[in-house]
Amino acid sequence: MVNSFDKYRMTFDYHTHTTFSHGKGSIEDNVKEAAARGLKAIAISDHGPGHLTYGVKRKNFAVMRREIERLKPLYPGLDIFLSVEANIVSVGNYLDVREEEKEWFDFLIGGYHYGITRGYCVGNWLDNRGLAPKSVGRSLLAKNTDMTVKAIYENNLRFLTHPGDKGRFDIKEIAKACAATDTWMEISTWHSHLTTEEIKIAATEDVKFIVSSDAHSPERVGSFEGGVKRALEAGLDIERIVNIEEK
């Protein structure tokens, strides 16, 4: 068990949420916290517009872009990016962000969530609670993995958020796709995925990892300890985590 993280630091946090989806702070609130923590970069990555209850409204992409551009000269020591945590779905380009909307963002990240249509949400929700037959679980494993792999190959994702969360996924197959496309795999400090065992499985492929706060309030921006703890428990070389370094 690792008890101290004083020897490590996070260099950038690319997964933070604001009031444009269901975070509790503004874009500038997150930026201020990132600057105070000495981060080199931050990305604002609110939930994709396909989420039924708290997805960012498509009309706000331009509003968010303008705010990012306003803040850049005010925080010269910090790189500020606009991203979006696109929802993985089972149709179209396998994300809830349209091709013509991608130009608003510096890069895309993507992950699986409940609260979307055309993504097997009801089945996954029931299966996670032991309320679905085993045959349904096996079918969901194949379906979830297939749409995730297709989302990776058909979109230029910077990284995959909390792989393995909210459903059954073949982490080995997903890691292969991430390695082939240079897509990082997230070790979240907000969710429990990647778990320690999932990190071990993913690490057998030539894939890079990122630790993210998935901050839903400004004070959590830059949080990394839980993710590093699981990485070390899995025996992962810290050098494979793109935004964690030793002091």
C-alpha atoms as a PDB file:
ATOM      1  CA  MET A   1       0.000   0.000   0.000  1.00  0.00           C
ATOM      2  CA  VAL A   2       1.362   3.389  -1.003  1.00  0.00           C
ATOM      3  CA  ASN A   3       0.747   5.974   1.717  1.00  0.00           C
ATOM      4  CA  SER A   4       2.455   9.077   0.340  1.00  0.00           C
ATOM      5  CA  PHE A   5       2.244  10.813  -3.008  1.00  0.00           C
ATOM      6  CA  ASP A   6       4.557  13.681  -2.156  1.00  0.00           C
ATOM      7  CA  LYS A   7       7.098  12.462  -4.700  1.00  0.00           C
ATOM      8  CA  TYR A   8       4.630  12.821  -7.599  1.00  0.00           C
ATOM      9  CA  ARG A   9       2.905  15.692  -9.320  1.00  0.00           C
ATOM     10  CA  MET A  10       0.288  16.096 -12.032  1.00  0.00           C
ATOM     11  CA  THR A  11       1.407  18.231 -14.955  1.00  0.00           C
ATOM     12  CA  PHE A  12      -1.969  18.727 -16.658  1.00  0.00           C
ATOM     13  CA  ASP A  13      -5.623  17.859 -16.076  1.00  0.00           C
ATOM     14  CA  TYR A  14      -7.643  17.318 -19.233  1.00  0.00           C
ATOM     15  CA  HIS A  15     -10.924  16.115 -17.683  1.00  0.00           C
ATOM     16  CA  THR A  16     -12.837  18.815 -15.786  1.00  0.00           C
ATOM     17  CA  HIS A  17     -16.499  19.830 -15.782  1.00  0.00           C
ATOM     18  CA  THR A  18     -18.291  23.136 -15.317  1.00  0.00           C
ATOM     19  CA  THR A  19     -21.824  24.493 -15.003  1.00  0.00           C
ATOM     20  CA  PHE A  20     -22.161  24.065 -18.769  1.00  0.00           C
ATOM     21  CA  SER A  21     -22.972  20.421 -17.936  1.00  0.00           C
ATOM     22  CA  HIS A  22     -23.292  19.362 -14.288  1.00  0.00           C
ATOM     23  CA  GLY A  23     -20.182  20.789 -12.693  1.00  0.00           C
ATOM     24  CA  LYS A  24     -20.427  23.313  -9.863  1.00  0.00           C
ATOM     25  CA  GLY A  25     -17.998  25.978 -11.043  1.00  0.00           C
ATOM     26  CA  SER A  26     -17.415  28.195 -14.033  1.00  0.00           C
ATOM     27  CA  ILE A  27     -14.711  27.750 -16.644  1.00  0.00           C
ATOM     28  CA  GLU A  28     -12.669  30.446 -14.948  1.00  0.00           C
ATOM     29  CA  ASP A  29     -13.121  28.798 -11.546  1.00  0.00           C
ATOM     30  CA  ASN A  30     -11.476  25.639 -12.896  1.00  0.00           C
ATOM     31  CA  VAL A  31      -8.758  27.639 -14.620  1.00  0.00           C
ATOM     32  CA  LYS A  32      -7.958  29.545 -11.409  1.00  0.00           C
ATOM     33  CA  GLU A  33      -7.606  26.284  -9.492  1.00  0.00           C
ATOM     34  CA  ALA A  34      -5.359  24.797 -12.155  1.00  0.00           C
ATOM     35  CA  ALA A  35      -3.123  27.869 -12.010  1.00  0.00           C
ATOM     36  CA  ALA A  36      -3.041  27.790  -8.203  1.00  0.00           C
ATOM     37  CA  ARG A  37      -1.962  24.144  -8.267  1.00  0.00           C
ATOM     38  CA  GLY A  38       0.852  24.895 -10.671  1.00  0.00           C
ATOM     39  CA  LEU A  39      -0.508  22.823 -13.550  1.00  0.00           C
ATOM     40  CA  LYS A  40       0.887  23.443 -17.010  1.00  0.00           C
ATOM     41  CA  ALA A  41      -2.446  22.909 -18.771  1.00  0.00           C
ATOM     42  CA  ILE A  42      -6.138  22.319 -18.211  1.00  0.00           C
ATOM     43  CA  ALA A  43      -8.989  21.262 -20.472  1.00  0.00           C
ATOM     44  CA  ILE A  44     -12.649  22.038 -19.984  1.00  0.00           C
ATOM     45  CA  SER A  45     -14.428  18.874 -21.066  1.00  0.00           C
ATOM     46  CA  ASP A  46     -18.109  18.999 -20.253  1.00  0.00           C
ATOM     47  CA  HIS A  47     -20.434  16.102 -21.004  1.00  0.00           C
ATOM     48  CA  GLY A  48     -21.443  15.556 -24.610  1.00  0.00           C
ATOM     49  CA  PRO A  49     -24.746  16.953 -25.894  1.00  0.00           C
ATOM     50  CA  GLY A  50     -26.395  13.548 -26.229  1.00  0.00           C
ATOM     51  CA  HIS A  51     -26.803  13.105 -22.496  1.00  0.00           C
ATOM     52  CA  LEU A  52     -30.491  13.441 -21.691  1.00  0.00           C
ATOM     53  CA  THR A  53     -30.170  15.337 -18.413  1.00  0.00           C
ATOM     54  CA  TYR A  54     -26.831  17.152 -18.203  1.00  0.00           C
ATOM     55  CA  GLY A  55     -25.211  17.232 -21.611  1.00  0.00           C
ATOM     56  CA  VAL A  56     -23.805  20.571 -22.757  1.00  0.00           C
ATOM     57  CA  LYS A  57     -26.185  22.373 -25.082  1.00  0.00           C
ATOM     58  CA  ARG A  58     -24.903  22.491 -28.644  1.00  0.00           C
ATOM     59  CA  LYS A  59     -25.543  26.234 -28.840  1.00  0.00           C
ATOM     60  CA  ASN A  60     -23.040  26.710 -26.006  1.00  0.00           C
ATOM     61  CA  PHE A  61     -20.040  25.336 -27.906  1.00  0.00           C
ATOM     62  CA  ALA A  62     -19.411  28.801 -29.328  1.00  0.00           C
ATOM     63  CA  VAL A  63     -19.997  30.456 -25.947  1.00  0.00           C
ATOM     64  CA  MET A  64     -17.446  28.189 -24.301  1.00  0.00           C
ATOM     65  CA  ARG A  65     -14.945  28.778 -27.102  1.00  0.00           C
ATOM     66  CA  ARG A  66     -15.205  32.541 -26.633  1.00  0.00           C
ATOM     67  CA  GLU A  67     -14.676  32.210 -22.883  1.00  0.00           C
ATOM     68  CA  ILE A  68     -11.583  30.060 -23.381  1.00  0.00           C
ATOM     69  CA  GLU A  69     -10.127  32.640 -25.755  1.00  0.00           C
ATOM     70  CA  ARG A  70     -10.910  35.445 -23.275  1.00  0.00           C
ATOM     71  CA  LEU A  71      -9.085  33.643 -20.471  1.00  0.00           C
ATOM     72  CA  LYS A  72      -5.930  32.691 -22.348  1.00  0.00           C
ATOM     73  CA  PRO A  73      -4.177  36.087 -22.077  1.00  0.00           C
ATOM     74  CA  LEU A  74      -5.239  36.403 -18.428  1.00  0.00           C
ATOM     75  CA  TYR A  75      -3.404  33.199 -17.465  1.00  0.00           C
ATOM     76  CA  PRO A  76      -0.229  33.263 -19.586  1.00  0.00           C
ATOM     77  CA  GLY A  77       1.484  30.471 -17.663  1.00  0.00           C
ATOM     78  CA  LEU A  78      -1.313  28.002 -18.323  1.00  0.00           C
ATOM     79  CA  ASP A  79      -2.425  26.317 -21.535  1.00  0.00           C
ATOM     80  CA  ILE A  80      -6.232  26.299 -21.609  1.00  0.00           C
ATOM     81  CA  PHE A  81      -8.036  23.907 -23.943  1.00  0.00           C
ATOM     82  CA  LEU A  82     -11.642  23.324 -24.862  1.00  0.00           C
ATOM     83  CA  SER A  83     -12.626  19.683 -25.118  1.00  0.00           C
ATOM     84  CA  VAL A  84     -15.809  17.677 -24.644  1.00  0.00           C
ATOM     85  CA  GLU A  85     -16.401  14.322 -23.008  1.00  0.00           C
ATOM     86  CA  ALA A  86     -18.355  12.849 -25.899  1.00  0.00           C
ATOM     87  CA  ASN A  87     -20.704   9.998 -25.097  1.00  0.00           C
ATOM     88  CA  ILE A  88     -20.034   6.688 -26.821  1.00  0.00           C
ATOM     89  CA  VAL A  89     -23.151   5.450 -28.618  1.00  0.00           C
ATOM     90  CA  SER A  90     -23.974   2.553 -30.898  1.00  0.00           C
ATOM     91  CA  VAL A  91     -24.841   4.475 -34.082  1.00  0.00           C
ATOM     92  CA  GLY A  92     -23.385   6.999 -36.504  1.00  0.00           C
ATOM     93  CA  ASN A  93     -19.766   7.864 -35.792  1.00  0.00           C
ATOM     94  CA  TYR A  94     -20.225   6.211 -32.363  1.00  0.00           C
ATOM     95  CA  LEU A  95     -20.071   9.542 -30.546  1.00  0.00           C
ATOM     96  CA  ASP A  96     -22.773  12.102 -29.751  1.00  0.00           C
ATOM     97  CA  VAL A  97     -20.677  14.905 -31.268  1.00  0.00           C
ATOM     98  CA  ARG A  98     -21.328  15.556 -34.936  1.00  0.00           C
ATOM     99  CA  GLU A  99     -18.493  15.799 -37.434  1.00  0.00           C
ATOM    100  CA  GLU A 100     -19.159  19.469 -38.144  1.00  0.00           C
ATOM    101  CA  GLU A 101     -19.080  20.260 -34.406  1.00  0.00           C
ATOM    102  CA  LYS A 102     -15.583  18.899 -33.847  1.00  0.00           C
ATOM    103  CA  GLU A 103     -14.025  22.139 -35.105  1.00  0.00           C
ATOM    104  CA  TRP A 104     -15.027  23.864 -31.861  1.00  0.00           C
ATOM    105  CA  PHE A 105     -12.687  21.681 -29.811  1.00  0.00           C
ATOM    106  CA  ASP A 106      -8.934  21.466 -29.412  1.00  0.00           C
ATOM    107  CA  PHE A 107      -9.334  17.711 -28.969  1.00  0.00           C
ATOM    108  CA  LEU A 108     -11.997  15.156 -28.094  1.00  0.00           C
ATOM    109  CA  ILE A 109     -12.216  12.741 -25.209  1.00  0.00           C
ATOM    110  CA  GLY A 110     -14.905  10.092 -24.983  1.00  0.00           C
ATOM    111  CA  GLY A 111     -16.472   7.651 -22.573  1.00  0.00           C
ATOM    112  CA  TYR A 112     -19.527   5.567 -21.832  1.00  0.00           C
ATOM    113  CA  HIS A 113     -22.322   6.895 -19.601  1.00  0.00           C
ATOM    114  CA  TYR A 114     -25.893   6.143 -18.658  1.00  0.00           C
ATOM    115  CA  GLY A 115     -28.476   8.719 -19.703  1.00  0.00           C
ATOM    116  CA  ILE A 116     -27.983   8.426 -23.458  1.00  0.00           C
ATOM    117  CA  THR A 117     -30.076   6.882 -26.198  1.00  0.00           C
ATOM    118  CA  ARG A 118     -28.806   4.132 -28.499  1.00  0.00           C
ATOM    119  CA  GLY A 119     -26.158   2.903 -26.094  1.00  0.00           C
ATOM    120  CA  TYR A 120     -27.653  -0.150 -24.329  1.00  0.00           C
ATOM    121  CA  CYS A 121     -28.098   1.901 -21.153  1.00  0.00           C
ATOM    122  CA  VAL A 122     -31.123   0.067 -19.761  1.00  0.00           C
ATOM    123  CA  GLY A 123     -29.513  -3.329 -20.291  1.00  0.00           C
ATOM    124  CA  ASN A 124     -26.218  -2.226 -18.731  1.00  0.00           C
ATOM    125  CA  TRP A 125     -27.986  -0.632 -15.766  1.00  0.00           C
ATOM    126  CA  LEU A 126     -29.946  -3.821 -15.088  1.00  0.00           C
ATOM    127  CA  ASP A 127     -26.926  -6.048 -15.639  1.00  0.00           C
ATOM    128  CA  ASN A 128     -24.793  -4.029 -13.224  1.00  0.00           C
ATOM    129  CA  ARG A 129     -27.406  -4.623 -10.556  1.00  0.00           C
ATOM    130  CA  GLY A 130     -27.698  -8.345 -11.197  1.00  0.00           C
ATOM    131  CA  LEU A 131     -31.163  -7.996 -12.682  1.00  0.00           C
ATOM    132  CA  ALA A 132     -30.412  -9.282 -16.186  1.00  0.00           C
ATOM    133  CA  PRO A 133     -29.958 -12.915 -17.321  1.00  0.00           C
ATOM    134  CA  LYS A 134     -26.376 -14.111 -17.851  1.00  0.00           C
ATOM    135  CA  SER A 135     -27.015 -14.369 -21.586  1.00  0.00           C
ATOM    136  CA  VAL A 136     -27.821 -10.656 -21.665  1.00  0.00           C
ATOM    137  CA  GLY A 137     -24.576  -9.901 -19.851  1.00  0.00           C
ATOM    138  CA  ARG A 138     -22.568 -11.858 -22.415  1.00  0.00           C
ATOM    139  CA  SER A 139     -24.320 -10.051 -25.241  1.00  0.00           C
ATOM    140  CA  LEU A 140     -23.655  -6.672 -23.633  1.00  0.00           C
ATOM    141  CA  LEU A 141     -19.962  -7.469 -23.282  1.00  0.00           C
ATOM    142  CA  ALA A 142     -19.716  -7.905 -27.045  1.00  0.00           C
ATOM    143  CA  LYS A 143     -21.918  -4.909 -27.875  1.00  0.00           C
ATOM    144  CA  ASN A 144     -20.245  -2.519 -25.436  1.00  0.00           C
ATOM    145  CA  THR A 145     -16.788  -3.502 -26.601  1.00  0.00           C
ATOM    146  CA  ASP A 146     -17.726  -3.248 -30.270  1.00  0.00           C
ATOM    147  CA  MET A 147     -19.134   0.282 -30.055  1.00  0.00           C
ATOM    148  CA  THR A 148     -16.185   1.437 -27.948  1.00  0.00           C
ATOM    149  CA  VAL A 149     -13.592   0.044 -30.351  1.00  0.00           C
ATOM    150  CA  LYS A 150     -15.445   1.595 -33.294  1.00  0.00           C
ATOM    151  CA  ALA A 151     -15.601   4.963 -31.505  1.00  0.00           C
ATOM    152  CA  ILE A 152     -11.836   4.786 -31.015  1.00  0.00           C
ATOM    153  CA  TYR A 153     -11.059   3.935 -34.632  1.00  0.00           C
ATOM    154  CA  GLU A 154     -13.555   6.305 -36.245  1.00  0.00           C
ATOM    155  CA  ASN A 155     -12.747   9.383 -34.149  1.00  0.00           C
ATOM    156  CA  ASN A 156      -9.510  11.046 -33.170  1.00  0.00           C
ATOM    157  CA  LEU A 157      -9.899  10.731 -29.395  1.00  0.00           C
ATOM    158  CA  ARG A 158      -7.139  12.082 -27.184  1.00  0.00           C
ATOM    159  CA  PHE A 159      -8.144   9.570 -24.520  1.00  0.00           C
ATOM    160  CA  LEU A 160     -10.869   7.198 -23.398  1.00  0.00           C
ATOM    161  CA  THR A 161     -12.488   8.170 -20.105  1.00  0.00           C
ATOM    162  CA  HIS A 162     -12.918   5.671 -17.254  1.00  0.00           C
ATOM    163  CA  PRO A 163     -12.834   2.520 -19.462  1.00  0.00           C
ATOM    164  CA  GLY A 164     -14.842  -0.305 -17.934  1.00  0.00           C
ATOM    165  CA  ASP A 165     -17.294   1.902 -16.070  1.00  0.00           C
ATOM    166  CA  LYS A 166     -21.058   1.271 -16.144  1.00  0.00           C
ATOM    167  CA  GLY A 167     -20.965  -1.939 -18.162  1.00  0.00           C
ATOM    168  CA  ARG A 168     -19.080  -5.015 -19.262  1.00  0.00           C
ATOM    169  CA  PHE A 169     -16.148  -4.259 -21.544  1.00  0.00           C
ATOM    170  CA  ASP A 170     -13.291  -6.331 -22.916  1.00  0.00           C
ATOM    171  CA  ILE A 171     -10.422  -4.192 -21.638  1.00  0.00           C
ATOM    172  CA  LYS A 172      -7.847  -6.196 -23.603  1.00  0.00           C
ATOM    173  CA  GLU A 173      -9.564  -5.501 -26.929  1.00  0.00           C
ATOM    174  CA  ILE A 174     -10.105  -1.864 -26.059  1.00  0.00           C
ATOM    175  CA  ALA A 175      -6.454  -1.484 -25.067  1.00  0.00           C
ATOM    176  CA  LYS A 176      -5.408  -2.949 -28.420  1.00  0.00           C
ATOM    177  CA  ALA A 177      -7.487  -0.324 -30.224  1.00  0.00           C
ATOM    178  CA  CYS A 178      -6.073   2.446 -28.033  1.00  0.00           C
ATOM    179  CA  ALA A 179      -2.517   1.275 -28.684  1.00  0.00           C
ATOM    180  CA  ALA A 180      -3.122   1.176 -32.440  1.00  0.00           C
ATOM    181  CA  THR A 181      -4.530   4.719 -32.501  1.00  0.00           C
ATOM    182  CA  ASP A 182      -2.346   6.318 -29.809  1.00  0.00           C
ATOM    183  CA  THR A 183      -5.419   6.895 -27.658  1.00  0.00           C
ATOM    184  CA  TRP A 184      -4.607   7.182 -23.954  1.00  0.00           C
ATOM    185  CA  MET A 185      -6.584   5.235 -21.360  1.00  0.00           C
ATOM    186  CA  GLU A 186      -7.792   7.125 -18.317  1.00  0.00           C
ATOM    187  CA  ILE A 187      -7.237   6.115 -14.717  1.00  0.00           C
ATOM    188  CA  SER A 188      -9.950   8.184 -13.083  1.00  0.00           C
ATOM    189  CA  THR A 189      -9.880   9.629  -9.582  1.00  0.00           C
ATOM    190  CA  TRP A 190     -13.667  10.157  -9.688  1.00  0.00           C
ATOM    191  CA  HIS A 191     -14.672   6.690 -10.881  1.00  0.00           C
ATOM    192  CA  SER A 192     -13.121   3.367  -9.892  1.00  0.00           C
ATOM    193  CA  HIS A 193     -12.062   2.548 -13.458  1.00  0.00           C
ATOM    194  CA  LEU A 194      -9.630   1.670 -14.682  1.00  0.00           C
ATOM    195  CA  THR A 195      -9.479  -0.680 -11.693  1.00  0.00           C
ATOM    196  CA  THR A 196      -6.175  -2.119 -10.548  1.00  0.00           C
ATOM    197  CA  GLU A 197      -6.895  -5.366 -12.389  1.00  0.00           C
ATOM    198  CA  GLU A 198      -7.963  -3.506 -15.531  1.00  0.00           C
ATOM    199  CA  ILE A 199      -4.737  -1.514 -15.480  1.00  0.00           C
ATOM    200  CA  LYS A 200      -2.793  -4.779 -15.375  1.00  0.00           C
ATOM    201  CA  ILE A 201      -4.723  -6.071 -18.405  1.00  0.00           C
ATOM    202  CA  ALA A 202      -4.407  -2.840 -20.395  1.00  0.00           C
ATOM    203  CA  ALA A 203      -0.704  -2.547 -19.610  1.00  0.00           C
ATOM    204  CA  THR A 204       0.019  -5.732 -21.571  1.00  0.00           C
ATOM    205  CA  GLU A 205      -0.600  -3.637 -24.692  1.00  0.00           C
ATOM    206  CA  ASP A 206       1.612  -0.758 -25.842  1.00  0.00           C
ATOM    207  CA  VAL A 207      -0.785   1.879 -24.537  1.00  0.00           C
ATOM    208  CA  LYS A 208      -0.263   5.094 -22.594  1.00  0.00           C
ATOM    209  CA  PHE A 209      -2.314   6.162 -19.597  1.00  0.00           C
ATOM    210  CA  ILE A 210      -3.557   9.447 -18.173  1.00  0.00           C
ATOM    211  CA  VAL A 211      -4.738  10.222 -14.652  1.00  0.00           C
ATOM    212  CA  SER A 212      -7.651  12.658 -14.519  1.00  0.00           C
ATOM    213  CA  SER A 213      -9.537  14.411 -11.759  1.00  0.00           C
ATOM    214  CA  ASP A 214     -12.878  14.290 -13.616  1.00  0.00           C
ATOM    215  CA  ALA A 215     -13.507  17.306 -11.412  1.00  0.00           C
ATOM    216  CA  HIS A 216     -17.143  18.304 -10.964  1.00  0.00           C
ATOM    217  CA  SER A 217     -16.188  21.123  -8.604  1.00  0.00           C
ATOM    218  CA  PRO A 218     -13.237  23.506  -8.898  1.00  0.00           C
ATOM    219  CA  GLU A 219     -11.477  22.308  -5.729  1.00  0.00           C
ATOM    220  CA  ARG A 220     -11.012  18.863  -7.265  1.00  0.00           C
ATOM    221  CA  VAL A 221      -9.122  20.143 -10.305  1.00  0.00           C
ATOM    222  CA  GLY A 222      -5.657  18.604 -10.260  1.00  0.00           C
ATOM    223  CA  SER A 223      -6.581  15.660  -8.011  1.00  0.00           C
ATOM    224  CA  PHE A 224      -4.499  12.631  -8.916  1.00  0.00           C
ATOM    225  CA  GLU A 225      -3.692  10.599  -5.793  1.00  0.00           C
ATOM    226  CA  GLY A 226      -6.348   7.899  -6.188  1.00  0.00           C
ATOM    227  CA  GLY A 227      -5.367   7.204  -9.772  1.00  0.00           C
ATOM    228  CA  VAL A 228      -1.658   6.997  -8.996  1.00  0.00           C
ATOM    229  CA  LYS A 229      -2.405   4.701  -6.068  1.00  0.00           C
ATOM    230  CA  ARG A 230      -4.163   2.174  -8.321  1.00  0.00           C
ATOM    231  CA  ALA A 231      -1.449   2.489 -10.968  1.00  0.00           C
ATOM    232  CA  LEU A 232       1.264   1.678  -8.447  1.00  0.00           C
ATOM    233  CA  GLU A 233      -0.750  -1.202  -7.009  1.00  0.00           C
ATOM    234  CA  ALA A 234      -0.979  -2.590 -10.556  1.00  0.00           C
ATOM    235  CA  GLY A 235       2.786  -2.337 -10.968  1.00  0.00           C
ATOM    236  CA  LEU A 236       2.488   0.227 -13.762  1.00  0.00           C
ATOM    237  CA  ASP A 237       5.624   2.159 -14.641  1.00  0.00           C
ATOM    238  CA  ILE A 238       4.809   5.802 -13.823  1.00  0.00           C
ATOM    239  CA  GLU A 239       6.561   6.840 -17.029  1.00  0.00           C
ATOM    240  CA  ARG A 240       3.646   5.309 -18.958  1.00  0.00           C
ATOM    241  CA  ILE A 241       1.309   7.918 -17.424  1.00  0.00           C
ATOM    242  CA  VAL A 242       1.562  10.975 -19.638  1.00  0.00           C
ATOM    243  CA  ASN A 243       0.703  13.609 -17.034  1.00  0.00           C
ATOM    244  CA  ILE A 244       2.333  12.289 -13.835  1.00  0.00           C
ATOM    245  CA  GLU A 245       5.978  12.795 -13.024  1.00  0.00           C
ATOM    246  CA  GLU A 246       8.285  12.507 -10.079  1.00  0.00           C
ATOM    247  CA  LYS A 247       9.335  15.779  -8.486  1.00  0.00           C
END
